[in-house]
Amino acid sequence: MIRETPRNFLDILRSYVPDPSHPAGTLREEFADFFTEFQSEARPSVEPVLIRGDLRGVWCKVPESRPDRTLLFFHGGDFTVGSTADHLGFCSELARAGQSRLFSVDYRLAPEQVFPAQADDALAAYRYLLKQGVLPHRIIPVGISAGATLVLDLLLMLRDQHLPLPPAAVCMSPVVDLKFGGESITASQDTDWMTPGRLAALRTAYLGGREPDDPLASPINAQLSGLPPVYLQTGTGELLYDDISAFARKMKWAGVPVRFEIWEGMFHYWQIFGRQIPEAGGAVSHIGAFVRDIFDR
């Protein structure tokens, strides 16, 4: 159960309403200030590195981290906000649950850099790890929200470019269809803090005039066969619930091994709210068990 009533906590989350008149830098500071306070107070040790050009990554380690296990993490934030710095509590929990070190990518953000820059950065980060001597079967990409979409993009690009694939991937509430056609987009407005208006704004900023049908923009349109196992989480209260469910079915039809986990009543991004919601810790614990099982094989 949620410690506060779902309605009260959703009202708190809904109080974060980005003002489009604010500069992008201000919006990112407001996002960081608001969401950081809800995460675990635990913090990993960090080591920033340069991947290429202005693309940076951060090694995050906790006492439980094993050097032969790497989580390649992509944060959320509508493709327009978010960074490693404002996900450190969550990174710490993921690293601890998976007994892994975590490499978080500060990919480029829209509207300054639009699609497919973010997907290109995901691929560059994976290539960087390989060049550093990290073996592909010791890497598991993990992402939440927009970051989970980048995980799917990464898998598709690796397959299509005949590059070595990781043994599995973890996607928490990915954005899989930028047309947002599922019935839950409108039916779940009382159970989520995201809104159809925010989703439309995300699409406009991210695509920069490109079509939403592109398979990397909307992975539900991709040919999915040949991908490694995917652990997929969603909540029944999410606006994206129907889109994610349809995507899970398509992966199964394509022969992709899918572990599709549905959390009753949970809303978008719930996994990071470890200081308020017991289900957040439960979701991370399940991810950790999946990661450990894959690495132990």
Protein backbone atom coordinates (compact mmCIF):
# COMPACT_ATOMS: atom_id res chain seq x y z
CA MET A 1 0.00 0.00 0.00
CA ILE A 2 1.01 3.60 -0.58
CA ARG A 3 1.80 5.34 2.72
CA GLU A 4 -0.18 8.40 1.68
CA THR A 5 -3.46 7.90 -0.13
CA PRO A 6 -2.95 7.51 -3.90
CA ARG A 7 -5.01 10.64 -4.48
CA ASN A 8 -2.93 12.75 -2.12
CA PHE A 9 0.36 11.59 -3.54
CA LEU A 10 -0.84 12.00 -7.12
CA ASP A 11 -1.90 15.54 -6.23
CA ILE A 12 1.64 16.20 -5.02
CA LEU A 13 3.07 14.89 -8.28
CA ARG A 14 0.55 16.86 -10.30
CA SER A 15 1.75 20.02 -8.62
CA TYR A 16 4.85 19.72 -10.81
CA VAL A 17 3.61 21.42 -13.97
CA PRO A 18 6.37 22.52 -16.35
CA ASP A 19 5.90 26.10 -17.56
CA PRO A 20 6.70 26.14 -21.29
CA SER A 21 7.57 29.83 -21.05
CA HIS A 22 10.57 29.01 -18.83
CA PRO A 23 13.99 28.46 -20.44
CA ALA A 24 15.03 24.83 -20.87
CA GLY A 25 17.71 25.17 -18.20
CA THR A 26 15.18 26.43 -15.67
CA LEU A 27 12.78 23.58 -16.44
CA ARG A 28 15.57 21.08 -15.86
CA GLU A 29 16.48 22.64 -12.52
CA GLU A 30 12.83 22.53 -11.45
CA PHE A 31 12.57 18.86 -12.45
CA ALA A 32 15.70 18.02 -10.47
CA ASP A 33 14.57 19.93 -7.38
CA PHE A 34 11.16 18.30 -7.39
CA PHE A 35 11.97 14.66 -8.11
CA THR A 36 15.20 14.25 -6.21
CA GLU A 37 13.47 14.60 -2.83
CA PHE A 38 11.25 11.55 -3.46
CA GLN A 39 14.10 9.12 -4.12
CA SER A 40 16.13 7.05 -1.73
CA GLU A 41 18.57 9.08 0.35
CA ALA A 42 21.31 6.55 -0.47
CA ARG A 43 23.93 7.82 -2.89
CA PRO A 44 26.53 5.82 -4.83
CA SER A 45 30.14 6.76 -5.33
CA VAL A 46 30.40 8.46 -8.72
CA GLU A 47 33.04 8.87 -11.41
CA PRO A 48 32.15 11.09 -14.40
CA VAL A 49 33.70 10.18 -17.74
CA LEU A 50 33.67 11.61 -21.26
CA ILE A 51 32.12 9.25 -23.81
CA ARG A 52 32.62 11.46 -26.85
CA GLY A 53 32.30 15.17 -27.67
CA ASP A 54 29.81 16.59 -25.19
CA LEU A 55 28.31 13.19 -24.32
CA ARG A 56 29.10 12.18 -20.75
CA GLY A 57 28.49 9.21 -18.55
CA VAL A 58 28.81 8.53 -14.84
CA TRP A 59 30.02 5.36 -13.18
CA CYS A 60 27.93 4.72 -10.06
CA LYS A 61 29.04 2.13 -7.53
CA VAL A 62 27.78 0.88 -4.17
CA PRO A 63 29.46 -1.58 -1.77
CA GLU A 64 27.48 -4.45 -3.32
CA SER A 65 28.67 -3.65 -6.87
CA ARG A 66 30.58 -6.36 -8.67
CA PRO A 67 33.08 -5.25 -11.35
CA ASP A 68 31.98 -7.98 -13.77
CA ARG A 69 28.36 -6.75 -13.84
CA THR A 70 27.37 -3.50 -15.56
CA LEU A 71 23.97 -1.87 -15.78
CA LEU A 72 23.82 0.67 -18.62
CA PHE A 73 21.24 3.15 -17.33
CA PHE A 74 19.14 5.71 -19.21
CA HIS A 75 17.17 8.16 -17.05
CA GLY A 76 13.66 9.43 -17.69
CA GLY A 77 12.33 12.94 -18.19
CA ASP A 78 10.24 13.21 -21.38
CA PHE A 79 13.44 13.37 -23.50
CA THR A 80 13.66 17.03 -22.42
CA VAL A 81 14.73 17.02 -18.75
CA GLY A 82 16.51 14.70 -16.35
CA SER A 83 20.11 13.71 -15.72
CA THR A 84 22.25 11.32 -13.75
CA ALA A 85 22.51 13.90 -10.97
CA ASP A 86 18.78 13.93 -10.28
CA HIS A 87 18.48 10.11 -10.45
CA LEU A 88 21.36 9.22 -8.11
CA GLY A 89 19.14 7.82 -5.37
CA PHE A 90 17.45 5.58 -7.92
CA CYS A 91 20.79 4.59 -9.47
CA SER A 92 22.00 3.57 -6.03
CA GLU A 93 18.97 1.34 -5.48
CA LEU A 94 19.30 -0.31 -8.89
CA ALA A 95 23.02 -0.96 -8.41
CA ARG A 96 22.43 -2.43 -4.96
CA ALA A 97 19.54 -4.64 -6.09
CA GLY A 98 21.49 -5.94 -9.06
CA GLN A 99 24.80 -6.20 -7.18
CA SER A 100 26.24 -4.38 -10.18
CA ARG A 101 28.06 -1.22 -11.05
CA LEU A 102 25.95 1.20 -13.04
CA PHE A 103 26.93 3.41 -15.95
CA SER A 104 24.43 6.25 -16.34
CA VAL A 105 24.30 8.20 -19.60
CA ASP A 106 23.61 11.94 -19.77
CA TYR A 107 22.26 11.77 -23.29
CA ARG A 108 21.42 14.93 -25.22
CA LEU A 109 18.03 16.49 -24.58
CA ALA A 110 15.31 18.05 -26.71
CA PRO A 111 14.43 20.61 -27.91
CA GLU A 112 18.09 21.59 -28.43
CA GLN A 113 18.81 18.12 -29.83
CA VAL A 114 15.89 16.22 -31.31
CA PHE A 115 15.29 12.63 -32.38
CA PRO A 116 17.29 10.55 -33.22
CA ALA A 117 20.15 12.22 -31.29
CA GLN A 118 19.16 10.46 -28.07
CA ALA A 119 19.14 7.03 -29.71
CA ASP A 120 22.53 7.77 -31.27
CA ASP A 121 23.85 8.62 -27.80
CA ALA A 122 22.55 5.32 -26.43
CA LEU A 123 24.48 3.45 -29.09
CA ALA A 124 27.60 5.56 -28.49
CA ALA A 125 27.46 4.73 -24.77
CA TYR A 126 27.23 1.00 -25.46
CA ARG A 127 30.13 1.20 -27.91
CA TYR A 128 32.12 3.09 -25.29
CA LEU A 129 31.68 0.28 -22.78
CA LEU A 130 32.81 -2.27 -25.35
CA LYS A 131 35.91 -0.18 -26.12
CA GLN A 132 36.65 -0.08 -22.40
CA GLY A 133 36.80 -3.86 -22.43
CA VAL A 134 33.37 -4.56 -20.95
CA LEU A 135 32.07 -7.74 -22.55
CA PRO A 136 28.59 -7.50 -24.10
CA HIS A 137 27.27 -10.44 -22.11
CA ARG A 138 28.20 -8.54 -18.91
CA ILE A 139 26.06 -5.50 -19.81
CA ILE A 140 22.33 -5.16 -19.15
CA PRO A 141 20.71 -1.93 -20.44
CA VAL A 142 18.14 -0.52 -18.02
CA GLY A 143 15.86 2.47 -18.55
CA ILE A 144 12.81 4.20 -17.15
CA SER A 145 10.18 6.11 -19.15
CA ALA A 146 11.97 7.91 -22.00
CA GLY A 147 15.13 6.09 -20.97
CA ALA A 148 13.36 2.76 -21.40
CA THR A 149 12.50 3.78 -24.96
CA LEU A 150 16.21 4.36 -25.56
CA VAL A 151 16.93 0.85 -24.28
CA LEU A 152 14.59 -0.52 -26.94
CA ASP A 153 16.18 1.73 -29.58
CA LEU A 154 19.60 0.44 -28.56
CA LEU A 155 18.54 -3.19 -28.96
CA LEU A 156 17.06 -2.49 -32.40
CA MET A 157 20.17 -0.67 -33.61
CA LEU A 158 22.53 -3.33 -32.30
CA ARG A 159 20.54 -6.05 -34.04
CA ASP A 160 20.28 -4.15 -37.32
CA GLN A 161 23.98 -3.22 -37.32
CA HIS A 162 24.98 -6.81 -36.48
CA LEU A 163 26.70 -5.73 -33.27
CA PRO A 164 26.89 -7.98 -30.20
CA LEU A 165 23.70 -7.88 -28.20
CA PRO A 166 23.47 -7.83 -24.40
CA PRO A 167 21.99 -10.90 -22.70
CA ALA A 168 18.82 -9.05 -21.62
CA ALA A 169 17.32 -5.62 -21.02
CA VAL A 170 15.05 -3.93 -18.47
CA CYS A 171 12.38 -1.41 -19.47
CA MET A 172 10.29 0.44 -16.90
CA SER A 173 7.22 2.08 -18.46
CA PRO A 174 8.69 2.85 -21.89
CA VAL A 175 7.12 5.27 -24.34
CA VAL A 176 6.48 2.86 -27.22
CA ASP A 177 3.98 4.68 -29.44
CA LEU A 178 4.19 8.45 -29.93
CA LYS A 179 0.73 8.45 -31.47
CA PHE A 180 -0.57 7.63 -27.97
CA GLY A 181 -3.54 5.71 -29.29
CA GLY A 182 -4.31 3.43 -26.35
CA GLU A 183 -7.62 3.89 -24.53
CA SER A 184 -5.80 4.35 -21.22
CA ILE A 185 -4.40 7.67 -22.49
CA THR A 186 -7.77 9.18 -21.68
CA ALA A 187 -9.30 6.53 -19.40
CA SER A 188 -6.52 6.67 -16.78
CA GLN A 189 -6.34 10.42 -16.21
CA ASP A 190 -7.63 9.99 -12.66
CA THR A 191 -4.96 7.42 -11.78
CA ASP A 192 -1.82 9.01 -13.23
CA TRP A 193 -0.02 12.31 -12.79
CA MET A 194 0.95 12.46 -16.45
CA THR A 195 -1.56 14.12 -18.76
CA PRO A 196 -2.40 13.81 -22.46
CA GLY A 197 -1.22 17.40 -22.85
CA ARG A 198 2.20 16.60 -21.43
CA LEU A 199 2.50 13.58 -23.70
CA ALA A 200 1.65 15.73 -26.71
CA ALA A 201 4.26 18.29 -25.65
CA LEU A 202 6.82 15.50 -25.27
CA ARG A 203 6.11 14.32 -28.82
CA THR A 204 6.45 17.81 -30.30
CA ALA A 205 9.70 18.63 -28.51
CA TYR A 206 11.30 15.24 -29.12
CA LEU A 207 10.44 14.72 -32.77
CA GLY A 208 11.19 18.24 -33.98
CA GLY A 209 8.88 17.82 -36.95
CA ARG A 210 9.68 14.20 -37.75
CA GLU A 211 6.97 11.58 -38.11
CA PRO A 212 5.98 9.54 -35.03
CA ASP A 213 5.78 6.34 -37.12
CA ASP A 214 9.57 5.93 -37.24
CA PRO A 215 10.36 2.60 -35.50
CA LEU A 216 13.01 4.21 -33.30
CA ALA A 217 10.58 6.95 -32.24
CA SER A 218 7.77 4.45 -31.71
CA PRO A 219 9.26 0.98 -31.16
CA ILE A 220 5.81 -0.60 -31.45
CA ASN A 221 6.24 -0.08 -35.21
CA ALA A 222 9.56 -1.94 -35.31
CA GLN A 223 10.22 -5.47 -36.49
CA LEU A 224 11.04 -7.05 -33.13
CA SER A 225 12.32 -10.55 -33.82
CA GLY A 226 15.90 -11.31 -32.85
CA LEU A 227 15.95 -9.24 -29.67
CA PRO A 228 17.25 -10.61 -26.35
CA PRO A 229 14.97 -11.20 -23.35
CA VAL A 230 13.22 -8.06 -22.11
CA TYR A 231 11.89 -7.48 -18.61
CA LEU A 232 9.03 -4.99 -18.93
CA GLN A 233 7.22 -3.22 -16.09
CA THR A 234 4.06 -1.12 -16.20
CA GLY A 235 1.33 -0.03 -13.80
CA THR A 236 -2.41 -0.34 -14.37
CA GLY A 237 -2.86 3.33 -13.45
CA GLU A 238 -0.59 4.61 -16.21
CA LEU A 239 -1.79 6.55 -19.22
CA LEU A 240 0.67 4.42 -21.21
CA TYR A 241 -0.69 1.10 -19.89
CA ASP A 242 -2.56 0.06 -23.05
CA ASP A 243 0.30 1.05 -25.36
CA ILE A 244 2.83 -0.88 -23.26
CA SER A 245 0.53 -3.91 -23.06
CA ALA A 246 0.12 -3.93 -26.84
CA PHE A 247 3.88 -3.71 -27.22
CA ALA A 248 4.40 -6.66 -24.87
CA ARG A 249 2.00 -8.73 -26.95
CA LYS A 250 3.82 -7.78 -30.15
CA MET A 251 7.16 -8.80 -28.65
CA LYS A 252 5.75 -12.18 -27.66
CA TRP A 253 4.30 -12.69 -31.15
CA ALA A 254 7.74 -11.88 -32.58
CA GLY A 255 9.32 -14.57 -30.43
CA VAL A 256 11.08 -12.24 -28.01
CA PRO A 257 11.32 -13.73 -24.51
CA VAL A 258 9.33 -11.23 -22.43
CA ARG A 259 8.76 -11.02 -18.71
CA PHE A 260 5.82 -8.63 -18.54
CA GLU A 261 5.12 -7.46 -15.00
CA ILE A 262 1.97 -5.47 -14.26
CA TRP A 263 1.70 -3.55 -10.99
CA GLU A 264 -1.87 -2.94 -9.85
CA GLY A 265 -2.73 0.72 -9.34
CA MET A 266 0.74 2.07 -10.06
CA PHE A 267 1.21 5.23 -12.08
CA HIS A 268 3.98 6.43 -14.37
CA TYR A 269 7.51 6.57 -12.92
CA TRP A 270 6.43 4.99 -9.63
CA GLN A 271 9.67 3.02 -9.37
CA ILE A 272 11.72 6.09 -8.36
CA PHE A 273 9.51 7.14 -5.45
CA GLY A 274 11.28 4.91 -2.95
CA ARG A 275 10.70 7.22 0.03
CA GLN A 276 6.91 7.26 -0.37
CA ILE A 277 5.78 4.04 -2.04
CA PRO A 278 6.63 0.51 -0.87
CA GLU A 279 5.82 -0.72 -4.38
CA ALA A 280 8.79 1.27 -5.66
CA GLY A 281 11.16 -0.82 -3.59
CA GLY A 282 9.33 -3.95 -4.64
CA ALA A 283 9.70 -3.12 -8.32
CA VAL A 284 13.42 -2.45 -7.94
CA SER A 285 13.82 -5.66 -5.93
CA HIS A 286 12.22 -7.64 -8.76
CA ILE A 287 14.52 -5.98 -11.29
CA GLY A 288 17.51 -6.84 -9.14
CA ALA A 289 16.49 -10.50 -8.98
CA PHE A 290 16.12 -10.57 -12.77
CA VAL A 291 19.51 -8.93 -13.29
CA ARG A 292 21.28 -11.26 -10.89
CA ASP A 293 19.70 -14.29 -12.51
CA ILE A 294 20.86 -13.20 -15.97
CA PHE A 295 24.41 -12.47 -14.82
CA ASP A 296 24.62 -15.74 -12.89
CA ARG A 297 23.89 -17.87 -15.93
